[in-house]
Amino acid sequence: METVLKKKRLDKETSDRISFVTFIIPYFARSFKMNRQEAYQYLKKYGGIDYLFEHWWALHTDNPFWAARDLYEVCRKNGGLR
């Protein structure tokens, strides 16, 4: 029996979410003088990643400066100092 592999397509929302997340984390890193790994760890430790995934739709419609600033504020309120 031959197995047929089907190429799965991501739906538009998932594709948009991935694009935004892969854009905003490096942008956040540059904005706050971190490398990408440090930025990801910082966001993960202080709740920024959860906030990002929960509110990505609203964040992606804003200027990247303000989206990064919102992520920073969420992390600061959860104990993150930078």
N, C-alpha and C. Protein backbone atom coordinates (compact mmCIF):
# COMPACT_ATOMS: atom_id res chain seq x y z
N MET A 1 0.84 -1.17 0.00
CA MET A 1 0.00 0.00 0.00
C MET A 1 0.89 1.24 0.00
N GLU A 2 0.60 2.15 -0.86
CA GLU A 2 1.41 3.36 -1.01
C GLU A 2 0.81 4.51 -0.19
N THR A 3 1.67 5.16 0.54
CA THR A 3 1.21 6.29 1.34
C THR A 3 1.33 7.56 0.51
N VAL A 4 0.26 8.29 0.47
CA VAL A 4 0.25 9.55 -0.26
C VAL A 4 0.38 10.68 0.75
N LEU A 5 1.41 11.49 0.55
CA LEU A 5 1.60 12.63 1.44
C LEU A 5 0.89 13.83 0.84
N LYS A 6 0.08 14.43 1.63
CA LYS A 6 -0.62 15.62 1.18
C LYS A 6 0.03 16.83 1.81
N LYS A 7 0.23 17.83 1.01
CA LYS A 7 0.80 19.07 1.50
C LYS A 7 -0.30 19.85 2.19
N LYS A 8 -0.09 20.12 3.48
CA LYS A 8 -1.09 20.87 4.22
C LYS A 8 -0.80 22.35 4.09
N ARG A 9 -1.84 23.10 3.95
CA ARG A 9 -1.72 24.55 3.89
C ARG A 9 -2.17 25.13 5.22
N LEU A 10 -1.46 26.14 5.63
CA LEU A 10 -1.88 26.84 6.84
C LEU A 10 -3.03 27.78 6.47
N ASP A 11 -3.98 27.90 7.37
CA ASP A 11 -5.02 28.87 7.10
C ASP A 11 -4.43 30.27 7.23
N LYS A 12 -5.10 31.24 6.70
CA LYS A 12 -4.58 32.61 6.65
C LYS A 12 -4.29 33.17 8.03
N GLU A 13 -5.16 32.94 8.99
CA GLU A 13 -4.96 33.48 10.34
C GLU A 13 -3.68 32.90 10.97
N THR A 14 -3.47 31.60 10.82
CA THR A 14 -2.27 30.98 11.38
C THR A 14 -1.03 31.52 10.70
N SER A 15 -1.09 31.66 9.40
CA SER A 15 0.03 32.21 8.65
C SER A 15 0.33 33.64 9.07
N ASP A 16 -0.70 34.45 9.24
CA ASP A 16 -0.52 35.84 9.68
C ASP A 16 0.06 35.90 11.09
N ARG A 17 -0.41 35.03 11.96
CA ARG A 17 0.09 34.99 13.34
C ARG A 17 1.57 34.64 13.37
N ILE A 18 1.96 33.63 12.61
CA ILE A 18 3.36 33.23 12.56
C ILE A 18 4.22 34.36 12.01
N SER A 19 3.75 35.00 10.97
CA SER A 19 4.49 36.12 10.38
C SER A 19 4.69 37.25 11.38
N PHE A 20 3.65 37.58 12.11
CA PHE A 20 3.75 38.67 13.08
C PHE A 20 4.68 38.32 14.23
N VAL A 21 4.54 37.13 14.77
CA VAL A 21 5.38 36.72 15.90
C VAL A 21 6.85 36.68 15.49
N THR A 22 7.14 36.16 14.29
CA THR A 22 8.53 36.11 13.84
C THR A 22 9.07 37.49 13.47
N PHE A 23 8.21 38.46 13.31
CA PHE A 23 8.64 39.84 13.08
C PHE A 23 8.82 40.59 14.41
N ILE A 24 7.86 40.44 15.32
CA ILE A 24 7.84 41.31 16.50
C ILE A 24 8.90 40.93 17.53
N ILE A 25 9.25 39.66 17.66
CA ILE A 25 10.27 39.29 18.65
C ILE A 25 11.63 39.89 18.29
N PRO A 26 12.10 39.78 17.05
CA PRO A 26 13.36 40.46 16.71
C PRO A 26 13.25 41.99 16.82
N TYR A 27 12.10 42.54 16.50
CA TYR A 27 11.89 43.98 16.63
C TYR A 27 11.99 44.37 18.10
N PHE A 28 11.36 43.62 18.98
CA PHE A 28 11.43 43.85 20.42
C PHE A 28 12.89 43.76 20.88
N ALA A 29 13.61 42.76 20.39
CA ALA A 29 15.02 42.58 20.77
C ALA A 29 15.85 43.80 20.39
N ARG A 30 15.69 44.28 19.17
CA ARG A 30 16.44 45.48 18.73
C ARG A 30 16.04 46.70 19.55
N SER A 31 14.77 46.84 19.82
CA SER A 31 14.28 48.00 20.55
C SER A 31 14.83 48.10 21.96
N PHE A 32 15.04 46.95 22.58
CA PHE A 32 15.48 46.94 23.98
C PHE A 32 16.89 46.37 24.13
N LYS A 33 17.67 46.42 23.04
CA LYS A 33 19.10 46.08 23.07
C LYS A 33 19.36 44.67 23.61
N MET A 34 18.64 43.71 23.05
CA MET A 34 18.82 42.30 23.41
C MET A 34 19.07 41.52 22.13
N ASN A 35 19.61 40.32 22.26
CA ASN A 35 19.60 39.45 21.09
C ASN A 35 18.25 38.73 21.07
N ARG A 36 17.95 38.04 19.99
CA ARG A 36 16.63 37.42 19.85
C ARG A 36 16.34 36.38 20.93
N GLN A 37 17.36 35.61 21.29
CA GLN A 37 17.16 34.58 22.30
C GLN A 37 16.86 35.22 23.66
N GLU A 38 17.59 36.26 24.01
CA GLU A 38 17.33 36.97 25.28
C GLU A 38 15.93 37.55 25.28
N ALA A 39 15.53 38.14 24.16
CA ALA A 39 14.20 38.74 24.06
C ALA A 39 13.12 37.68 24.25
N TYR A 40 13.28 36.54 23.59
CA TYR A 40 12.30 35.47 23.72
C TYR A 40 12.22 35.00 25.17
N GLN A 41 13.37 34.77 25.79
CA GLN A 41 13.40 34.30 27.18
C GLN A 41 12.77 35.32 28.13
N TYR A 42 13.05 36.59 27.90
CA TYR A 42 12.49 37.67 28.72
C TYR A 42 10.96 37.69 28.56
N LEU A 43 10.49 37.65 27.32
CA LEU A 43 9.05 37.66 27.06
C LEU A 43 8.37 36.43 27.67
N LYS A 44 9.02 35.30 27.55
CA LYS A 44 8.45 34.06 28.09
C LYS A 44 8.39 34.11 29.62
N LYS A 45 9.48 34.57 30.25
CA LYS A 45 9.56 34.59 31.71
C LYS A 45 8.54 35.54 32.34
N TYR A 46 8.30 36.67 31.69
CA TYR A 46 7.45 37.70 32.31
C TYR A 46 6.07 37.86 31.65
N GLY A 47 5.62 36.86 30.93
CA GLY A 47 4.25 36.85 30.43
C GLY A 47 4.03 37.54 29.10
N GLY A 48 5.07 38.05 28.49
CA GLY A 48 4.92 38.74 27.20
C GLY A 48 4.51 37.81 26.07
N ILE A 49 5.04 36.59 26.08
CA ILE A 49 4.69 35.63 25.01
C ILE A 49 3.21 35.26 25.11
N ASP A 50 2.74 35.01 26.31
CA ASP A 50 1.31 34.69 26.49
C ASP A 50 0.45 35.85 26.00
N TYR A 51 0.84 37.05 26.38
CA TYR A 51 0.12 38.25 25.95
C TYR A 51 0.16 38.38 24.42
N LEU A 52 1.32 38.13 23.86
CA LEU A 52 1.50 38.22 22.41
C LEU A 52 0.56 37.25 21.69
N PHE A 53 0.53 36.00 22.13
CA PHE A 53 -0.33 35.03 21.46
C PHE A 53 -1.81 35.29 21.70
N GLU A 54 -2.13 35.83 22.84
CA GLU A 54 -3.54 36.11 23.14
C GLU A 54 -4.05 37.35 22.39
N HIS A 55 -3.19 38.34 22.22
CA HIS A 55 -3.62 39.62 21.65
C HIS A 55 -2.91 39.97 20.34
N TRP A 56 -2.38 38.98 19.65
CA TRP A 56 -1.61 39.26 18.44
C TRP A 56 -2.42 40.03 17.41
N TRP A 57 -3.71 39.76 17.33
CA TRP A 57 -4.53 40.41 16.30
C TRP A 57 -4.55 41.92 16.50
N ALA A 58 -4.74 42.36 17.72
CA ALA A 58 -4.75 43.80 18.00
C ALA A 58 -3.34 44.38 17.87
N LEU A 59 -2.34 43.66 18.37
CA LEU A 59 -0.97 44.17 18.31
C LEU A 59 -0.47 44.34 16.88
N HIS A 60 -0.86 43.43 16.00
CA HIS A 60 -0.32 43.50 14.65
C HIS A 60 -0.91 44.67 13.84
N THR A 61 -2.01 45.23 14.30
CA THR A 61 -2.59 46.36 13.57
C THR A 61 -1.98 47.69 14.00
N ASP A 62 -1.20 47.66 15.08
CA ASP A 62 -0.59 48.86 15.61
C ASP A 62 0.81 49.05 15.03
N ASN A 63 1.36 50.22 15.23
CA ASN A 63 2.73 50.50 14.85
C ASN A 63 3.63 49.55 15.65
N PRO A 64 4.67 48.96 15.03
CA PRO A 64 5.54 48.03 15.76
C PRO A 64 6.15 48.64 17.03
N PHE A 65 6.43 49.95 17.01
CA PHE A 65 6.96 50.61 18.20
C PHE A 65 6.01 50.44 19.38
N TRP A 66 4.73 50.67 19.15
CA TRP A 66 3.74 50.58 20.22
C TRP A 66 3.47 49.13 20.61
N ALA A 67 3.52 48.23 19.66
CA ALA A 67 3.34 46.81 19.98
C ALA A 67 4.47 46.33 20.90
N ALA A 68 5.72 46.72 20.56
CA ALA A 68 6.86 46.34 21.40
C ALA A 68 6.74 47.00 22.78
N ARG A 69 6.29 48.23 22.80
CA ARG A 69 6.13 48.95 24.06
C ARG A 69 5.06 48.28 24.94
N ASP A 70 3.96 47.84 24.32
CA ASP A 70 2.92 47.12 25.06
C ASP A 70 3.47 45.83 25.67
N LEU A 71 4.27 45.09 24.89
CA LEU A 71 4.88 43.87 25.40
C LEU A 71 5.80 44.17 26.57
N TYR A 72 6.57 45.25 26.45
CA TYR A 72 7.46 45.66 27.53
C TYR A 72 6.66 45.98 28.80
N GLU A 73 5.58 46.70 28.65
CA GLU A 73 4.75 47.08 29.80
C GLU A 73 4.15 45.85 30.49
N VAL A 74 3.71 44.89 29.72
CA VAL A 74 3.17 43.65 30.29
C VAL A 74 4.26 42.96 31.10
N CYS A 75 5.45 42.85 30.54
CA CYS A 75 6.57 42.20 31.23
C CYS A 75 6.96 42.98 32.50
N ARG A 76 6.99 44.29 32.40
CA ARG A 76 7.35 45.13 33.55
C ARG A 76 6.35 44.92 34.69
N LYS A 77 5.08 44.87 34.34
CA LYS A 77 4.05 44.67 35.37
C LYS A 77 4.13 43.28 36.02
N ASN A 78 4.77 42.36 35.30
CA ASN A 78 4.93 40.99 35.84
C ASN A 78 6.31 40.77 36.44
N GLY A 79 7.02 41.86 36.72
CA GLY A 79 8.30 41.74 37.43
C GLY A 79 9.54 41.89 36.57
N GLY A 80 9.37 42.08 35.28
CA GLY A 80 10.53 42.21 34.40
C GLY A 80 11.16 43.60 34.49
N LEU A 81 12.45 43.62 34.72
CA LEU A 81 13.18 44.88 34.76
C LEU A 81 14.18 44.87 33.62
N ARG A 82 14.26 45.95 32.91
CA ARG A 82 15.22 46.02 31.79
C ARG A 82 15.64 47.43 31.64
